[in-house]
Amino acid sequence: MAAARQDFAIEIQLKQDMKEAMRSRDQLRLDTIRMALGAIHNLEVARTDAKNADYNKPLTEQDCVTVLEQEAKKRKQAIPLYKQGGRDELADREQRELDILQSYLQASQMSDEDLQAIIQRLVAENGKEFRRVMPLAAKETKGRADGARVQRFVKEAVQ
């Protein structure tokens, strides 16, 4: 039987917040945190399947952050679709879930100053050409900054 792995800081925080949500009877927060923990667990279980590309790789804290980013992205994509379909109550729920997920992602996000410093260094090394700088910036900031935010800073830097 495999040894139990240590929980990561983000998982510990999610579990503590889940207990708090139970105590305060905050059902939306509780459901969102359970969904996030379930998604992390599903990734861990998927890695036990020999058909998975990441078979037998241990779960990392970056994987947990990536799962939360994916869940937040699903919410961002669903909100306009619900509004377009006239389901404002569901759009509001998705927005509140997104806000809850964002609170966990903010801790792992890079500050604007750090992001600008990295982009300025890449522009200095590779010139002011968006097509050369953007892939390098995306690769270097992966998991620590939102892609749209990186793109906005790169566009400002190369102009």
N, C-alpha and C. Protein backbone atom coordinates (compact mmCIF):
# COMPACT_ATOMS: atom_id res chain seq x y z
N MET A 1 0.84 -1.17 0.00
CA MET A 1 0.00 0.00 0.00
C MET A 1 0.89 1.24 0.00
N ALA A 2 0.54 2.21 -0.77
CA ALA A 2 1.33 3.43 -0.90
C ALA A 2 1.24 4.27 0.37
N ALA A 3 2.33 4.94 0.67
CA ALA A 3 2.35 5.81 1.84
C ALA A 3 1.50 7.05 1.57
N ALA A 4 0.86 7.53 2.61
CA ALA A 4 0.02 8.72 2.46
C ALA A 4 0.93 9.93 2.24
N ARG A 5 0.51 10.80 1.34
CA ARG A 5 1.32 11.98 1.05
C ARG A 5 0.94 13.10 2.00
N GLN A 6 1.84 14.06 2.13
CA GLN A 6 1.58 15.23 2.94
C GLN A 6 0.65 16.17 2.19
N ASP A 7 -0.26 16.80 2.90
CA ASP A 7 -1.11 17.82 2.28
C ASP A 7 -0.29 19.08 2.05
N PHE A 8 -0.62 19.79 0.99
CA PHE A 8 0.07 21.03 0.67
C PHE A 8 -0.61 22.19 1.41
N ALA A 9 0.08 23.31 1.48
CA ALA A 9 -0.43 24.46 2.21
C ALA A 9 -1.81 24.88 1.71
N ILE A 10 -1.99 24.86 0.40
CA ILE A 10 -3.27 25.29 -0.17
C ILE A 10 -4.39 24.30 0.21
N GLU A 11 -4.05 23.01 0.27
CA GLU A 11 -5.05 22.02 0.67
C GLU A 11 -5.41 22.17 2.14
N ILE A 12 -4.41 22.42 2.96
CA ILE A 12 -4.65 22.62 4.39
C ILE A 12 -5.57 23.83 4.59
N GLN A 13 -5.28 24.91 3.83
CA GLN A 13 -6.11 26.11 3.93
C GLN A 13 -7.54 25.82 3.49
N LEU A 14 -7.69 25.08 2.39
CA LEU A 14 -9.03 24.72 1.91
C LEU A 14 -9.79 23.91 2.95
N LYS A 15 -9.12 22.96 3.59
CA LYS A 15 -9.78 22.12 4.60
C LYS A 15 -10.18 22.93 5.83
N GLN A 16 -9.31 23.85 6.25
CA GLN A 16 -9.66 24.71 7.39
C GLN A 16 -10.85 25.60 7.04
N ASP A 17 -10.83 26.15 5.83
CA ASP A 17 -11.93 27.02 5.42
C ASP A 17 -13.22 26.23 5.25
N MET A 18 -13.10 24.97 4.87
CA MET A 18 -14.29 24.13 4.75
C MET A 18 -14.94 23.94 6.13
N LYS A 19 -14.12 23.71 7.14
CA LYS A 19 -14.65 23.58 8.50
C LYS A 19 -15.32 24.87 8.94
N GLU A 20 -14.69 25.99 8.64
CA GLU A 20 -15.27 27.29 9.00
C GLU A 20 -16.61 27.51 8.28
N ALA A 21 -16.66 27.13 7.00
CA ALA A 21 -17.90 27.29 6.24
C ALA A 21 -19.00 26.41 6.82
N MET A 22 -18.63 25.22 7.28
CA MET A 22 -19.63 24.35 7.92
C MET A 22 -20.16 24.99 9.20
N ARG A 23 -19.24 25.53 9.98
CA ARG A 23 -19.64 26.14 11.25
C ARG A 23 -20.53 27.37 11.04
N SER A 24 -20.20 28.15 10.01
CA SER A 24 -20.98 29.37 9.76
C SER A 24 -22.19 29.12 8.86
N ARG A 25 -22.36 27.88 8.43
CA ARG A 25 -23.47 27.47 7.56
C ARG A 25 -23.49 28.26 6.24
N ASP A 26 -22.30 28.49 5.70
CA ASP A 26 -22.16 29.18 4.42
C ASP A 26 -22.13 28.10 3.32
N GLN A 27 -23.31 27.77 2.81
CA GLN A 27 -23.44 26.63 1.89
C GLN A 27 -22.69 26.83 0.58
N LEU A 28 -22.74 28.02 0.01
CA LEU A 28 -22.06 28.27 -1.27
C LEU A 28 -20.55 28.10 -1.11
N ARG A 29 -19.98 28.68 -0.06
CA ARG A 29 -18.55 28.56 0.19
C ARG A 29 -18.18 27.10 0.42
N LEU A 30 -19.00 26.40 1.19
CA LEU A 30 -18.76 24.99 1.47
C LEU A 30 -18.77 24.16 0.19
N ASP A 31 -19.78 24.38 -0.64
CA ASP A 31 -19.88 23.64 -1.91
C ASP A 31 -18.69 23.92 -2.82
N THR A 32 -18.27 25.19 -2.87
CA THR A 32 -17.15 25.57 -3.74
C THR A 32 -15.86 24.93 -3.26
N ILE A 33 -15.62 24.96 -1.96
CA ILE A 33 -14.39 24.37 -1.41
C ILE A 33 -14.40 22.86 -1.59
N ARG A 34 -15.55 22.24 -1.38
CA ARG A 34 -15.64 20.78 -1.61
C ARG A 34 -15.36 20.44 -3.07
N MET A 35 -15.87 21.27 -3.98
CA MET A 35 -15.62 21.04 -5.41
C MET A 35 -14.13 21.14 -5.70
N ALA A 36 -13.46 22.13 -5.12
CA ALA A 36 -12.03 22.32 -5.35
C ALA A 36 -11.23 21.14 -4.79
N LEU A 37 -11.54 20.72 -3.58
CA LEU A 37 -10.85 19.58 -3.00
C LEU A 37 -11.13 18.30 -3.79
N GLY A 38 -12.35 18.17 -4.28
CA GLY A 38 -12.69 17.01 -5.11
C GLY A 38 -11.92 17.00 -6.42
N ALA A 39 -11.75 18.15 -7.01
CA ALA A 39 -10.99 18.24 -8.27
C ALA A 39 -9.53 17.88 -8.04
N ILE A 40 -8.97 18.32 -6.92
CA ILE A 40 -7.58 17.96 -6.59
C ILE A 40 -7.47 16.45 -6.38
N HIS A 41 -8.43 15.89 -5.66
CA HIS A 41 -8.45 14.44 -5.42
C HIS A 41 -8.59 13.67 -6.74
N ASN A 42 -9.45 14.16 -7.63
CA ASN A 42 -9.64 13.49 -8.92
C ASN A 42 -8.35 13.47 -9.73
N LEU A 43 -7.59 14.56 -9.68
CA LEU A 43 -6.30 14.59 -10.39
C LEU A 43 -5.35 13.56 -9.79
N GLU A 44 -5.33 13.48 -8.49
CA GLU A 44 -4.46 12.51 -7.82
C GLU A 44 -4.84 11.09 -8.19
N VAL A 45 -6.14 10.80 -8.22
CA VAL A 45 -6.61 9.47 -8.57
C VAL A 45 -6.32 9.17 -10.04
N ALA A 46 -6.47 10.17 -10.90
CA ALA A 46 -6.22 9.98 -12.33
C ALA A 46 -4.76 9.57 -12.58
N ARG A 47 -3.88 10.01 -11.72
CA ARG A 47 -2.46 9.68 -11.90
C ARG A 47 -2.14 8.25 -11.49
N THR A 48 -3.10 7.52 -10.97
CA THR A 48 -2.87 6.11 -10.66
C THR A 48 -3.23 5.22 -11.85
N ASP A 49 -3.78 5.81 -12.90
CA ASP A 49 -4.16 5.07 -14.10
C ASP A 49 -2.98 5.00 -15.06
N ALA A 50 -2.63 3.80 -15.48
CA ALA A 50 -1.47 3.62 -16.35
C ALA A 50 -1.66 4.32 -17.70
N LYS A 51 -2.90 4.60 -18.09
CA LYS A 51 -3.14 5.26 -19.38
C LYS A 51 -2.89 6.76 -19.30
N ASN A 52 -2.80 7.31 -18.09
CA ASN A 52 -2.60 8.75 -17.90
C ASN A 52 -1.15 9.10 -18.23
N ALA A 53 -0.95 10.24 -18.90
CA ALA A 53 0.39 10.68 -19.27
C ALA A 53 1.25 10.97 -18.03
N ASP A 54 0.62 11.36 -16.94
CA ASP A 54 1.35 11.67 -15.71
C ASP A 54 1.32 10.51 -14.71
N TYR A 55 1.25 9.29 -15.23
CA TYR A 55 1.15 8.10 -14.41
C TYR A 55 2.30 8.03 -13.39
N ASN A 56 1.93 7.77 -12.14
CA ASN A 56 2.86 7.62 -11.03
C ASN A 56 3.64 8.87 -10.66
N LYS A 57 3.32 10.01 -11.25
CA LYS A 57 3.96 11.25 -10.83
C LYS A 57 3.31 11.71 -9.54
N PRO A 58 4.09 12.13 -8.57
CA PRO A 58 3.46 12.63 -7.34
C PRO A 58 2.81 13.99 -7.59
N LEU A 59 1.77 14.24 -6.85
CA LEU A 59 1.06 15.51 -6.95
C LEU A 59 1.92 16.60 -6.32
N THR A 60 1.99 17.77 -6.96
CA THR A 60 2.75 18.89 -6.43
C THR A 60 1.80 20.02 -6.05
N GLU A 61 2.32 20.98 -5.30
CA GLU A 61 1.48 22.12 -4.94
C GLU A 61 1.10 22.91 -6.19
N GLN A 62 2.01 22.94 -7.18
CA GLN A 62 1.70 23.63 -8.43
C GLN A 62 0.52 22.95 -9.14
N ASP A 63 0.43 21.64 -9.05
CA ASP A 63 -0.71 20.93 -9.62
C ASP A 63 -2.01 21.37 -8.95
N CYS A 64 -1.97 21.56 -7.64
CA CYS A 64 -3.16 22.01 -6.91
C CYS A 64 -3.58 23.40 -7.37
N VAL A 65 -2.60 24.28 -7.55
CA VAL A 65 -2.90 25.64 -8.02
C VAL A 65 -3.47 25.58 -9.43
N THR A 66 -2.90 24.72 -10.27
CA THR A 66 -3.38 24.57 -11.65
C THR A 66 -4.83 24.11 -11.66
N VAL A 67 -5.18 23.18 -10.78
CA VAL A 67 -6.57 22.70 -10.69
C VAL A 67 -7.50 23.86 -10.32
N LEU A 68 -7.08 24.67 -9.35
CA LEU A 68 -7.91 25.81 -8.95
C LEU A 68 -8.04 26.81 -10.10
N GLU A 69 -6.95 27.01 -10.86
CA GLU A 69 -7.02 27.92 -12.01
C GLU A 69 -8.00 27.39 -13.06
N GLN A 70 -7.98 26.08 -13.28
CA GLN A 70 -8.89 25.48 -14.25
C GLN A 70 -10.34 25.65 -13.81
N GLU A 71 -10.60 25.46 -12.53
CA GLU A 71 -11.96 25.62 -12.01
C GLU A 71 -12.40 27.08 -12.13
N ALA A 72 -11.49 28.01 -11.85
CA ALA A 72 -11.83 29.43 -11.99
C ALA A 72 -12.11 29.77 -13.45
N LYS A 73 -11.34 29.19 -14.35
CA LYS A 73 -11.54 29.45 -15.77
C LYS A 73 -12.91 28.93 -16.23
N LYS A 74 -13.31 27.78 -15.72
CA LYS A 74 -14.65 27.24 -16.05
C LYS A 74 -15.74 28.23 -15.63
N ARG A 75 -15.56 28.82 -14.44
CA ARG A 75 -16.54 29.79 -13.96
C ARG A 75 -16.56 31.04 -14.85
N LYS A 76 -15.38 31.52 -15.22
CA LYS A 76 -15.30 32.71 -16.08
C LYS A 76 -15.99 32.47 -17.41
N GLN A 77 -15.86 31.26 -17.94
CA GLN A 77 -16.48 30.94 -19.22
C GLN A 77 -17.99 30.76 -19.09
N ALA A 78 -18.44 30.27 -17.95
CA ALA A 78 -19.86 29.98 -17.77
C ALA A 78 -20.68 31.24 -17.52
N ILE A 79 -20.10 32.23 -16.87
CA ILE A 79 -20.86 33.44 -16.49
C ILE A 79 -21.50 34.11 -17.70
N PRO A 80 -20.74 34.44 -18.78
CA PRO A 80 -21.40 35.09 -19.92
C PRO A 80 -22.44 34.20 -20.60
N LEU A 81 -22.21 32.89 -20.59
CA LEU A 81 -23.18 31.98 -21.22
C LEU A 81 -24.50 31.97 -20.44
N TYR A 82 -24.41 31.96 -19.12
CA TYR A 82 -25.63 32.03 -18.31
C TYR A 82 -26.36 33.35 -18.53
N LYS A 83 -25.60 34.45 -18.58
CA LYS A 83 -26.23 35.75 -18.80
C LYS A 83 -26.89 35.81 -20.17
N GLN A 84 -26.22 35.24 -21.17
CA GLN A 84 -26.77 35.21 -22.53
C GLN A 84 -28.06 34.40 -22.57
N GLY A 85 -28.14 33.36 -21.77
CA GLY A 85 -29.32 32.52 -21.72
C GLY A 85 -30.40 33.05 -20.79
N GLY A 86 -30.14 34.20 -20.17
CA GLY A 86 -31.14 34.80 -19.29
C GLY A 86 -31.21 34.14 -17.93
N ARG A 87 -30.16 33.45 -17.53
CA ARG A 87 -30.13 32.78 -16.23
C ARG A 87 -29.24 33.56 -15.27
N ASP A 88 -29.69 34.74 -14.89
CA ASP A 88 -28.89 35.63 -14.05
C ASP A 88 -28.60 35.05 -12.67
N GLU A 89 -29.53 34.26 -12.12
CA GLU A 89 -29.30 33.68 -10.80
C GLU A 89 -28.13 32.70 -10.85
N LEU A 90 -28.02 31.93 -11.94
CA LEU A 90 -26.89 31.01 -12.08
C LEU A 90 -25.60 31.77 -12.35
N ALA A 91 -25.69 32.85 -13.12
CA ALA A 91 -24.51 33.67 -13.38
C ALA A 91 -24.00 34.28 -12.08
N ASP A 92 -24.92 34.71 -11.21
CA ASP A 92 -24.52 35.27 -9.92
C ASP A 92 -23.84 34.22 -9.05
N ARG A 93 -24.39 33.01 -9.06
CA ARG A 93 -23.78 31.93 -8.28
C ARG A 93 -22.37 31.61 -8.79
N GLU A 94 -22.24 31.54 -10.10
CA GLU A 94 -20.91 31.27 -10.68
C GLU A 94 -19.93 32.39 -10.33
N GLN A 95 -20.41 33.63 -10.33
CA GLN A 95 -19.55 34.77 -9.98
C GLN A 95 -19.09 34.67 -8.53
N ARG A 96 -20.00 34.30 -7.65
CA ARG A 96 -19.62 34.16 -6.23
C ARG A 96 -18.63 33.01 -6.05
N GLU A 97 -18.83 31.91 -6.78
CA GLU A 97 -17.88 30.80 -6.72
C GLU A 97 -16.52 31.24 -7.25
N LEU A 98 -16.53 32.01 -8.34
CA LEU A 98 -15.28 32.52 -8.90
C LEU A 98 -14.55 33.40 -7.89
N ASP A 99 -15.29 34.25 -7.19
CA ASP A 99 -14.68 35.11 -6.17
C ASP A 99 -14.03 34.29 -5.07
N ILE A 100 -14.68 33.21 -4.67
CA ILE A 100 -14.13 32.33 -3.63
C ILE A 100 -12.84 31.67 -4.13
N LEU A 101 -12.87 31.16 -5.35
CA LEU A 101 -11.67 30.52 -5.91
C LEU A 101 -10.54 31.53 -6.09
N GLN A 102 -10.88 32.75 -6.51
CA GLN A 102 -9.86 33.78 -6.72
C GLN A 102 -9.15 34.11 -5.41
N SER A 103 -9.87 34.03 -4.29
CA SER A 103 -9.23 34.34 -3.01
C SER A 103 -8.09 33.37 -2.71
N TYR A 104 -8.20 32.13 -3.17
CA TYR A 104 -7.11 31.17 -2.97
C TYR A 104 -6.00 31.36 -4.01
N LEU A 105 -6.38 31.79 -5.19
CA LEU A 105 -5.38 31.99 -6.24
C LEU A 105 -4.56 33.26 -6.03
N GLN A 106 -5.13 34.27 -5.38
CA GLN A 106 -4.41 35.53 -5.17
C GLN A 106 -3.12 35.30 -4.40
N ALA A 107 -3.15 34.37 -3.45
CA ALA A 107 -1.96 34.11 -2.63
C ALA A 107 -0.81 33.56 -3.47
N SER A 108 -1.13 32.84 -4.54
CA SER A 108 -0.08 32.25 -5.37
C SER A 108 0.25 33.10 -6.60
N GLN A 109 -0.46 34.21 -6.77
CA GLN A 109 -0.24 35.05 -7.95
C GLN A 109 0.95 35.98 -7.74
N MET A 110 1.60 36.28 -8.84
CA MET A 110 2.75 37.18 -8.85
C MET A 110 2.27 38.63 -8.81
N SER A 111 3.00 39.47 -8.11
CA SER A 111 2.61 40.88 -8.03
C SER A 111 2.88 41.56 -9.38
N ASP A 112 2.22 42.70 -9.60
CA ASP A 112 2.40 43.44 -10.84
C ASP A 112 3.85 43.87 -11.02
N GLU A 113 4.50 44.27 -9.93
CA GLU A 113 5.89 44.73 -10.01
C GLU A 113 6.81 43.60 -10.45
N ASP A 114 6.64 42.41 -9.85
CA ASP A 114 7.47 41.27 -10.23
C ASP A 114 7.23 40.88 -11.68
N LEU A 115 5.97 40.90 -12.09
CA LEU A 115 5.61 40.56 -13.46
C LEU A 115 6.23 41.54 -14.45
N GLN A 116 6.15 42.83 -14.14
CA GLN A 116 6.74 43.84 -15.03
C GLN A 116 8.25 43.68 -15.09
N ALA A 117 8.89 43.35 -13.98
CA ALA A 117 10.34 43.17 -13.97
C ALA A 117 10.75 42.01 -14.87
N ILE A 118 10.03 40.92 -14.81
CA ILE A 118 10.33 39.76 -15.67
C ILE A 118 10.14 40.13 -17.13
N ILE A 119 9.04 40.81 -17.44
CA ILE A 119 8.76 41.19 -18.83
C ILE A 119 9.78 42.19 -19.34
N GLN A 120 10.19 43.15 -18.52
CA GLN A 120 11.21 44.11 -18.94
C GLN A 120 12.54 43.40 -19.24
N ARG A 121 12.88 42.41 -18.42
CA ARG A 121 14.11 41.65 -18.65
C ARG A 121 14.02 40.88 -19.96
N LEU A 122 12.87 40.25 -20.21
CA LEU A 122 12.69 39.49 -21.46
C LEU A 122 12.72 40.41 -22.68
N VAL A 123 12.13 41.61 -22.56
CA VAL A 123 12.15 42.57 -23.67
C VAL A 123 13.58 43.01 -23.93
N ALA A 124 14.35 43.24 -22.86
CA ALA A 124 15.75 43.66 -23.02
C ALA A 124 16.58 42.56 -23.69
N GLU A 125 16.30 41.31 -23.36
CA GLU A 125 17.06 40.19 -23.91
C GLU A 125 16.64 39.85 -25.34
N ASN A 126 15.35 39.99 -25.66
CA ASN A 126 14.82 39.48 -26.93
C ASN A 126 14.28 40.55 -27.87
N GLY A 127 14.35 41.79 -27.49
CA GLY A 127 13.86 42.86 -28.36
C GLY A 127 12.39 43.13 -28.13
N LYS A 128 11.88 44.16 -28.81
CA LYS A 128 10.50 44.61 -28.61
C LYS A 128 9.55 43.97 -29.62
N GLU A 129 9.65 42.69 -29.79
CA GLU A 129 8.77 41.98 -30.71
C GLU A 129 7.84 41.07 -29.89
N PHE A 130 6.55 41.34 -29.99
CA PHE A 130 5.56 40.63 -29.19
C PHE A 130 5.65 39.12 -29.39
N ARG A 131 5.81 38.69 -30.64
CA ARG A 131 5.81 37.26 -30.95
C ARG A 131 7.00 36.52 -30.33
N ARG A 132 8.07 37.23 -30.02
CA ARG A 132 9.23 36.59 -29.40
C ARG A 132 9.13 36.63 -27.88
N VAL A 133 8.57 37.71 -27.35
CA VAL A 133 8.56 37.91 -25.90
C VAL A 133 7.42 37.15 -25.23
N MET A 134 6.24 37.17 -25.83
CA MET A 134 5.05 36.60 -25.19
C MET A 134 5.20 35.11 -24.84
N PRO A 135 5.67 34.25 -25.75
CA PRO A 135 5.81 32.84 -25.36
C PRO A 135 6.79 32.64 -24.20
N LEU A 136 7.85 33.41 -24.20
CA LEU A 136 8.83 33.29 -23.12
C LEU A 136 8.23 33.78 -21.79
N ALA A 137 7.48 34.87 -21.86
CA ALA A 137 6.84 35.40 -20.65
C ALA A 137 5.79 34.43 -20.12
N ALA A 138 5.03 33.84 -21.01
CA ALA A 138 4.00 32.89 -20.60
C ALA A 138 4.63 31.67 -19.94
N LYS A 139 5.73 31.20 -20.51
CA LYS A 139 6.42 30.03 -19.96
C LYS A 139 7.01 30.34 -18.58
N GLU A 140 7.60 31.52 -18.44
CA GLU A 140 8.26 31.87 -17.19
C GLU A 140 7.28 32.17 -16.06
N THR A 141 6.09 32.65 -16.40
CA THR A 141 5.12 33.02 -15.36
C THR A 141 4.00 32.00 -15.21
N LYS A 142 4.10 30.88 -15.88
CA LYS A 142 3.04 29.87 -15.85
C LYS A 142 2.70 29.48 -14.41
N GLY A 143 1.41 29.59 -14.10
CA GLY A 143 0.93 29.22 -12.78
C GLY A 143 1.06 30.32 -11.74
N ARG A 144 1.81 31.37 -12.06
CA ARG A 144 1.99 32.45 -11.10
C ARG A 144 1.33 33.74 -11.53
N ALA A 145 0.85 33.78 -12.79
CA ALA A 145 0.16 34.97 -13.29
C ALA A 145 -0.82 34.55 -14.37
N ASP A 146 -1.95 35.23 -14.42
CA ASP A 146 -2.98 34.95 -15.41
C ASP A 146 -2.46 35.31 -16.81
N GLY A 147 -2.75 34.48 -17.79
CA GLY A 147 -2.26 34.69 -19.15
C GLY A 147 -2.69 36.01 -19.75
N ALA A 148 -3.94 36.42 -19.49
CA ALA A 148 -4.44 37.69 -20.03
C ALA A 148 -3.68 38.86 -19.42
N ARG A 149 -3.37 38.74 -18.15
CA ARG A 149 -2.61 39.79 -17.46
C ARG A 149 -1.20 39.88 -18.03
N VAL A 150 -0.56 38.73 -18.25
CA VAL A 150 0.78 38.70 -18.84
C VAL A 150 0.74 39.34 -20.23
N GLN A 151 -0.26 38.97 -21.02
CA GLN A 151 -0.38 39.52 -22.37
C GLN A 151 -0.52 41.03 -22.35
N ARG A 152 -1.32 41.55 -21.43
CA ARG A 152 -1.51 42.99 -21.33
C ARG A 152 -0.19 43.70 -21.01
N PHE A 153 0.58 43.15 -20.06
CA PHE A 153 1.85 43.76 -19.69
C PHE A 153 2.88 43.68 -20.82
N VAL A 154 2.86 42.54 -21.55
CA VAL A 154 3.80 42.40 -22.67
C VAL A 154 3.47 43.41 -23.77
N LYS A 155 2.18 43.57 -24.07
CA LYS A 155 1.78 44.56 -25.09
C LYS A 155 2.22 45.95 -24.70
N GLU A 156 2.06 46.31 -23.42
CA GLU A 156 2.50 47.63 -22.96
C GLU A 156 4.02 47.79 -23.09
N ALA A 157 4.76 46.72 -22.79
CA ALA A 157 6.21 46.79 -22.80
C ALA A 157 6.80 46.87 -24.20
N VAL A 158 6.16 46.24 -25.19
CA VAL A 158 6.75 46.22 -26.53
C VAL A 158 6.32 47.41 -27.38
N GLN A 159 5.40 48.22 -26.90
CA GLN A 159 4.97 49.38 -27.68
C GLN A 159 5.93 50.54 -27.50
